Amino acid sequence: MAGVTTERVRGWATALPEVNEKQHHLFKVPVWQVHGRTFLGMGRGESTAVFCISEEAANAAAAADPEHAAAVRRKDARRSFLGLEVHLATLSALQAEAMVREAWATQAPKRLVNQHPGPAPR
């Protein structure tokens, strides 16, 4: 998988401030939250990950690589947009780490993001 594994994703996610790891109640895969808001979750089988980025960014990324990425929505919820699901085998470690950071920065309180600036989101 090009070196991008759940363990590597976990390392990048938990290195960010105020992150908690939980297990998805239904799929039993890891998800990471900042201040109670999920910013990243592994897909079934842990060969994909869902990055909770803006809908606009997810739609653009999915349009750019529809074979390996998709904007994901719930069918039965009021807030249906989830994020961008990506096949981990198609990402370099650098790309995956940047996406983890972007998802964290999208969901974290702005004061926390401002206190811990990192690379600019893509």
N, C-alpha and C. Protein backbone atom coordinates (compact mmCIF):
# COMPACT_ATOMS: atom_id res chain seq x y z
N MET A 1 0.83 -1.21 0.00
CA MET A 1 0.00 0.00 0.00
C MET A 1 0.86 1.26 0.00
N ALA A 2 1.95 1.26 -0.73
CA ALA A 2 2.79 2.44 -0.84
C ALA A 2 3.24 2.95 0.52
N GLY A 3 3.25 2.09 1.52
CA GLY A 3 3.72 2.49 2.83
C GLY A 3 2.71 3.20 3.69
N VAL A 4 1.52 3.50 3.18
CA VAL A 4 0.51 4.19 3.96
C VAL A 4 -0.40 3.13 4.60
N THR A 5 -0.22 2.95 5.89
CA THR A 5 -0.97 1.95 6.65
C THR A 5 -1.76 2.64 7.75
N THR A 6 -2.61 1.88 8.38
CA THR A 6 -3.37 2.43 9.53
C THR A 6 -2.41 2.94 10.59
N GLU A 7 -1.33 2.22 10.82
CA GLU A 7 -0.37 2.65 11.85
C GLU A 7 0.26 3.99 11.50
N ARG A 8 0.59 4.18 10.24
CA ARG A 8 1.17 5.48 9.84
C ARG A 8 0.13 6.59 9.96
N VAL A 9 -1.09 6.32 9.52
CA VAL A 9 -2.16 7.30 9.65
C VAL A 9 -2.36 7.64 11.13
N ARG A 10 -2.39 6.62 11.97
CA ARG A 10 -2.54 6.82 13.42
C ARG A 10 -1.44 7.73 13.96
N GLY A 11 -0.21 7.48 13.55
CA GLY A 11 0.91 8.30 14.01
C GLY A 11 0.76 9.76 13.64
N TRP A 12 0.37 10.01 12.39
CA TRP A 12 0.18 11.41 11.97
C TRP A 12 -0.99 12.05 12.70
N ALA A 13 -2.08 11.32 12.85
CA ALA A 13 -3.28 11.88 13.49
C ALA A 13 -3.03 12.18 14.96
N THR A 14 -2.44 11.23 15.68
CA THR A 14 -2.26 11.42 17.12
C THR A 14 -1.14 12.39 17.46
N ALA A 15 -0.32 12.75 16.48
CA ALA A 15 0.71 13.76 16.71
C ALA A 15 0.12 15.16 16.73
N LEU A 16 -1.10 15.31 16.24
CA LEU A 16 -1.75 16.61 16.22
C LEU A 16 -2.36 16.92 17.59
N PRO A 17 -2.48 18.20 17.94
CA PRO A 17 -2.98 18.58 19.26
C PRO A 17 -4.44 18.17 19.52
N GLU A 18 -4.67 17.71 20.74
CA GLU A 18 -6.00 17.45 21.29
C GLU A 18 -6.80 16.43 20.49
N VAL A 19 -6.13 15.39 20.02
CA VAL A 19 -6.75 14.34 19.22
C VAL A 19 -7.03 13.13 20.08
N ASN A 20 -8.21 12.54 19.89
CA ASN A 20 -8.58 11.28 20.55
C ASN A 20 -8.89 10.26 19.48
N GLU A 21 -8.50 9.03 19.75
CA GLU A 21 -8.85 7.93 18.85
C GLU A 21 -10.00 7.14 19.45
N LYS A 22 -10.93 6.78 18.62
CA LYS A 22 -12.06 5.96 19.02
C LYS A 22 -12.25 4.86 17.99
N GLN A 23 -13.16 3.98 18.28
CA GLN A 23 -13.51 2.94 17.32
C GLN A 23 -14.91 3.23 16.79
N HIS A 24 -15.06 3.15 15.48
CA HIS A 24 -16.38 3.37 14.89
C HIS A 24 -17.34 2.33 15.46
N HIS A 25 -18.48 2.78 15.94
CA HIS A 25 -19.43 1.90 16.62
C HIS A 25 -19.98 0.80 15.72
N LEU A 26 -20.08 1.05 14.43
CA LEU A 26 -20.66 0.07 13.52
C LEU A 26 -19.59 -0.75 12.78
N PHE A 27 -18.60 -0.06 12.24
CA PHE A 27 -17.61 -0.73 11.39
C PHE A 27 -16.39 -1.24 12.14
N LYS A 28 -16.23 -0.83 13.40
CA LYS A 28 -15.12 -1.29 14.25
C LYS A 28 -13.75 -0.96 13.67
N VAL A 29 -13.62 0.21 13.08
CA VAL A 29 -12.35 0.70 12.56
C VAL A 29 -12.00 1.98 13.32
N PRO A 30 -10.72 2.36 13.33
CA PRO A 30 -10.33 3.58 14.04
C PRO A 30 -10.88 4.85 13.39
N VAL A 31 -11.27 5.79 14.24
CA VAL A 31 -11.61 7.14 13.83
C VAL A 31 -10.91 8.10 14.79
N TRP A 32 -10.58 9.27 14.30
CA TRP A 32 -9.90 10.26 15.13
C TRP A 32 -10.74 11.51 15.20
N GLN A 33 -10.76 12.09 16.41
CA GLN A 33 -11.57 13.28 16.67
C GLN A 33 -10.72 14.36 17.31
N VAL A 34 -11.12 15.58 17.08
CA VAL A 34 -10.57 16.74 17.78
C VAL A 34 -11.76 17.49 18.34
N HIS A 35 -11.77 17.67 19.65
CA HIS A 35 -12.88 18.34 20.35
C HIS A 35 -14.23 17.71 20.00
N GLY A 36 -14.27 16.38 19.93
CA GLY A 36 -15.52 15.67 19.69
C GLY A 36 -15.97 15.64 18.25
N ARG A 37 -15.20 16.21 17.35
CA ARG A 37 -15.55 16.23 15.92
C ARG A 37 -14.62 15.29 15.16
N THR A 38 -15.20 14.35 14.46
CA THR A 38 -14.40 13.41 13.69
C THR A 38 -13.75 14.13 12.52
N PHE A 39 -12.45 13.91 12.35
CA PHE A 39 -11.76 14.50 11.21
C PHE A 39 -11.19 13.44 10.26
N LEU A 40 -11.18 12.19 10.71
CA LEU A 40 -10.57 11.14 9.91
C LEU A 40 -11.07 9.79 10.38
N GLY A 41 -11.36 8.92 9.44
CA GLY A 41 -11.77 7.56 9.79
C GLY A 41 -11.28 6.58 8.75
N MET A 42 -10.90 5.42 9.22
CA MET A 42 -10.49 4.37 8.29
C MET A 42 -11.76 3.75 7.69
N GLY A 43 -11.64 3.35 6.44
CA GLY A 43 -12.75 2.66 5.77
C GLY A 43 -12.75 1.19 6.13
N ARG A 44 -13.79 0.51 5.72
CA ARG A 44 -13.85 -0.94 5.95
C ARG A 44 -12.65 -1.61 5.32
N GLY A 45 -12.06 -2.53 6.04
CA GLY A 45 -10.87 -3.20 5.54
C GLY A 45 -9.60 -2.38 5.68
N GLU A 46 -9.73 -1.15 6.09
CA GLU A 46 -8.64 -0.22 6.31
C GLU A 46 -7.74 -0.02 5.09
N SER A 47 -8.31 -0.22 3.90
CA SER A 47 -7.57 0.07 2.68
C SER A 47 -7.91 1.46 2.16
N THR A 48 -8.92 2.08 2.75
CA THR A 48 -9.30 3.45 2.43
C THR A 48 -9.36 4.25 3.72
N ALA A 49 -9.40 5.56 3.56
CA ALA A 49 -9.62 6.46 4.69
C ALA A 49 -10.55 7.56 4.22
N VAL A 50 -11.36 8.07 5.15
CA VAL A 50 -12.25 9.19 4.86
C VAL A 50 -11.70 10.40 5.60
N PHE A 51 -11.32 11.41 4.84
CA PHE A 51 -10.78 12.66 5.38
C PHE A 51 -11.90 13.68 5.40
N CYS A 52 -12.22 14.21 6.56
CA CYS A 52 -13.35 15.14 6.72
C CYS A 52 -12.87 16.55 6.39
N ILE A 53 -12.80 16.81 5.09
CA ILE A 53 -12.40 18.12 4.58
C ILE A 53 -13.65 18.81 4.04
N SER A 54 -13.48 20.01 3.54
CA SER A 54 -14.64 20.74 3.04
C SER A 54 -15.25 20.01 1.84
N GLU A 55 -16.53 20.19 1.67
CA GLU A 55 -17.22 19.56 0.55
C GLU A 55 -16.65 20.04 -0.78
N GLU A 56 -16.34 21.30 -0.87
CA GLU A 56 -15.76 21.86 -2.10
C GLU A 56 -14.42 21.19 -2.42
N ALA A 57 -13.55 21.07 -1.42
CA ALA A 57 -12.24 20.44 -1.63
C ALA A 57 -12.39 18.96 -1.98
N ALA A 58 -13.32 18.29 -1.32
CA ALA A 58 -13.54 16.86 -1.59
C ALA A 58 -14.07 16.66 -3.01
N ASN A 59 -15.01 17.49 -3.43
CA ASN A 59 -15.56 17.37 -4.79
C ASN A 59 -14.47 17.60 -5.84
N ALA A 60 -13.59 18.58 -5.59
CA ALA A 60 -12.51 18.86 -6.54
C ALA A 60 -11.53 17.69 -6.60
N ALA A 61 -11.16 17.14 -5.45
CA ALA A 61 -10.23 16.01 -5.42
C ALA A 61 -10.83 14.78 -6.07
N ALA A 62 -12.11 14.53 -5.83
CA ALA A 62 -12.78 13.38 -6.43
C ALA A 62 -12.89 13.54 -7.95
N ALA A 63 -13.15 14.75 -8.41
CA ALA A 63 -13.24 15.00 -9.85
C ALA A 63 -11.87 14.83 -10.52
N ALA A 64 -10.81 15.17 -9.80
CA ALA A 64 -9.46 15.05 -10.35
C ALA A 64 -8.99 13.60 -10.45
N ASP A 65 -9.51 12.73 -9.58
CA ASP A 65 -9.08 11.32 -9.58
C ASP A 65 -10.24 10.41 -9.20
N PRO A 66 -11.26 10.33 -10.05
CA PRO A 66 -12.47 9.57 -9.70
C PRO A 66 -12.23 8.07 -9.53
N GLU A 67 -11.15 7.56 -10.05
CA GLU A 67 -10.86 6.14 -9.92
C GLU A 67 -10.39 5.78 -8.51
N HIS A 68 -9.78 6.74 -7.81
CA HIS A 68 -9.19 6.46 -6.50
C HIS A 68 -9.76 7.27 -5.35
N ALA A 69 -10.67 8.20 -5.64
CA ALA A 69 -11.21 9.06 -4.59
C ALA A 69 -12.67 9.36 -4.87
N ALA A 70 -13.43 9.55 -3.79
CA ALA A 70 -14.86 9.86 -3.94
C ALA A 70 -15.32 10.73 -2.78
N ALA A 71 -16.15 11.71 -3.10
CA ALA A 71 -16.81 12.48 -2.05
C ALA A 71 -17.88 11.57 -1.46
N VAL A 72 -17.92 11.45 -0.14
CA VAL A 72 -18.80 10.48 0.52
C VAL A 72 -19.90 11.20 1.27
N ARG A 73 -21.11 10.69 1.10
CA ARG A 73 -22.28 11.26 1.77
C ARG A 73 -23.07 10.16 2.44
N ARG A 74 -23.71 10.50 3.56
CA ARG A 74 -24.66 9.58 4.19
C ARG A 74 -25.97 9.70 3.44
N LYS A 75 -26.69 8.63 3.38
CA LYS A 75 -27.99 8.68 2.69
C LYS A 75 -29.13 9.03 3.63
N ASP A 76 -28.91 8.89 4.94
CA ASP A 76 -30.03 8.99 5.88
C ASP A 76 -29.82 9.99 7.01
N ALA A 77 -29.00 11.01 6.78
CA ALA A 77 -28.74 11.96 7.86
C ALA A 77 -28.99 13.39 7.40
N ARG A 78 -29.29 14.25 8.35
CA ARG A 78 -29.51 15.65 8.02
C ARG A 78 -28.26 16.28 7.43
N ARG A 79 -27.12 16.05 8.07
CA ARG A 79 -25.85 16.56 7.55
C ARG A 79 -25.21 15.42 6.79
N SER A 80 -25.48 15.33 5.52
CA SER A 80 -25.11 14.14 4.77
C SER A 80 -23.66 14.10 4.32
N PHE A 81 -22.98 15.23 4.19
CA PHE A 81 -21.61 15.19 3.66
C PHE A 81 -20.64 14.70 4.73
N LEU A 82 -19.81 13.71 4.39
CA LEU A 82 -18.81 13.18 5.32
C LEU A 82 -17.41 13.67 4.99
N GLY A 83 -16.98 13.48 3.75
CA GLY A 83 -15.63 13.87 3.39
C GLY A 83 -15.16 13.19 2.13
N LEU A 84 -13.85 13.06 2.01
CA LEU A 84 -13.24 12.46 0.84
C LEU A 84 -12.69 11.09 1.20
N GLU A 85 -13.19 10.06 0.52
CA GLU A 85 -12.66 8.71 0.73
C GLU A 85 -11.60 8.46 -0.33
N VAL A 86 -10.43 8.01 0.13
CA VAL A 86 -9.29 7.80 -0.76
C VAL A 86 -8.72 6.41 -0.54
N HIS A 87 -8.34 5.75 -1.61
CA HIS A 87 -7.64 4.48 -1.53
C HIS A 87 -6.21 4.77 -1.09
N LEU A 88 -5.81 4.25 0.06
CA LEU A 88 -4.50 4.57 0.62
C LEU A 88 -3.35 4.13 -0.28
N ALA A 89 -3.53 3.08 -1.04
CA ALA A 89 -2.46 2.58 -1.91
C ALA A 89 -2.08 3.59 -2.99
N THR A 90 -2.95 4.56 -3.24
CA THR A 90 -2.67 5.54 -4.29
C THR A 90 -1.97 6.79 -3.76
N LEU A 91 -1.76 6.87 -2.45
CA LEU A 91 -1.16 8.05 -1.84
C LEU A 91 0.29 7.81 -1.45
N SER A 92 1.09 8.83 -1.60
CA SER A 92 2.43 8.80 -1.02
C SER A 92 2.28 9.15 0.46
N ALA A 93 3.30 8.85 1.23
CA ALA A 93 3.27 9.21 2.64
C ALA A 93 3.11 10.72 2.81
N LEU A 94 3.77 11.49 1.98
CA LEU A 94 3.68 12.95 2.07
C LEU A 94 2.26 13.43 1.80
N GLN A 95 1.62 12.87 0.77
CA GLN A 95 0.23 13.24 0.46
C GLN A 95 -0.70 12.86 1.61
N ALA A 96 -0.55 11.65 2.12
CA ALA A 96 -1.42 11.18 3.20
C ALA A 96 -1.27 12.03 4.45
N GLU A 97 -0.04 12.33 4.81
CA GLU A 97 0.19 13.17 5.99
C GLU A 97 -0.43 14.55 5.82
N ALA A 98 -0.30 15.13 4.64
CA ALA A 98 -0.90 16.45 4.37
C ALA A 98 -2.42 16.38 4.46
N MET A 99 -3.01 15.28 3.99
CA MET A 99 -4.46 15.15 4.06
C MET A 99 -4.95 14.98 5.49
N VAL A 100 -4.18 14.27 6.32
CA VAL A 100 -4.52 14.15 7.74
C VAL A 100 -4.52 15.53 8.37
N ARG A 101 -3.50 16.31 8.11
CA ARG A 101 -3.38 17.66 8.67
C ARG A 101 -4.53 18.56 8.18
N GLU A 102 -4.85 18.47 6.88
CA GLU A 102 -5.93 19.28 6.32
C GLU A 102 -7.27 18.93 6.99
N ALA A 103 -7.52 17.65 7.17
CA ALA A 103 -8.77 17.22 7.81
C ALA A 103 -8.83 17.71 9.25
N TRP A 104 -7.73 17.59 9.97
CA TRP A 104 -7.67 18.08 11.36
C TRP A 104 -7.97 19.58 11.39
N ALA A 105 -7.29 20.34 10.51
CA ALA A 105 -7.46 21.79 10.50
C ALA A 105 -8.88 22.19 10.09
N THR A 106 -9.54 21.39 9.29
CA THR A 106 -10.92 21.67 8.88
C THR A 106 -11.88 21.50 10.05
N GLN A 107 -11.63 20.51 10.91
CA GLN A 107 -12.57 20.19 11.98
C GLN A 107 -12.20 20.78 13.34
N ALA A 108 -10.96 21.12 13.55
CA ALA A 108 -10.51 21.65 14.85
C ALA A 108 -11.01 23.08 15.05
N PRO A 109 -11.17 23.48 16.32
CA PRO A 109 -11.51 24.89 16.57
C PRO A 109 -10.43 25.80 15.98
N LYS A 110 -10.85 26.91 15.41
CA LYS A 110 -9.92 27.81 14.73
C LYS A 110 -8.82 28.30 15.67
N ARG A 111 -9.14 28.52 16.94
CA ARG A 111 -8.10 28.98 17.87
C ARG A 111 -7.01 27.93 18.02
N LEU A 112 -7.38 26.66 18.00
CA LEU A 112 -6.41 25.58 18.11
C LEU A 112 -5.55 25.51 16.84
N VAL A 113 -6.17 25.65 15.68
CA VAL A 113 -5.43 25.65 14.42
C VAL A 113 -4.46 26.81 14.39
N ASN A 114 -4.89 27.97 14.86
CA ASN A 114 -4.02 29.16 14.87
C ASN A 114 -2.84 28.98 15.83
N GLN A 115 -3.05 28.24 16.92
CA GLN A 115 -1.98 27.99 17.90
C GLN A 115 -0.96 26.98 17.37
N HIS A 116 -1.37 26.15 16.43
CA HIS A 116 -0.52 25.07 15.92
C HIS A 116 -0.49 25.09 14.40
N PRO A 117 0.02 26.16 13.83
CA PRO A 117 0.05 26.23 12.37
C PRO A 117 0.98 25.15 11.81
N GLY A 118 0.60 24.64 10.70
CA GLY A 118 1.41 23.64 10.00
C GLY A 118 1.44 24.03 8.55
N PRO A 119 1.78 23.09 7.71
CA PRO A 119 1.76 23.37 6.29
C PRO A 119 0.38 23.81 5.83
N ALA A 120 0.34 24.69 4.88
CA ALA A 120 -0.96 25.16 4.37
C ALA A 120 -1.69 24.02 3.70
N PRO A 121 -3.02 23.96 3.90
CA PRO A 121 -3.81 22.92 3.23
C PRO A 121 -3.69 23.06 1.72
N ARG A 122 -3.90 21.94 1.03
CA ARG A 122 -3.80 21.98 -0.43
C ARG A 122 -4.95 22.73 -1.02
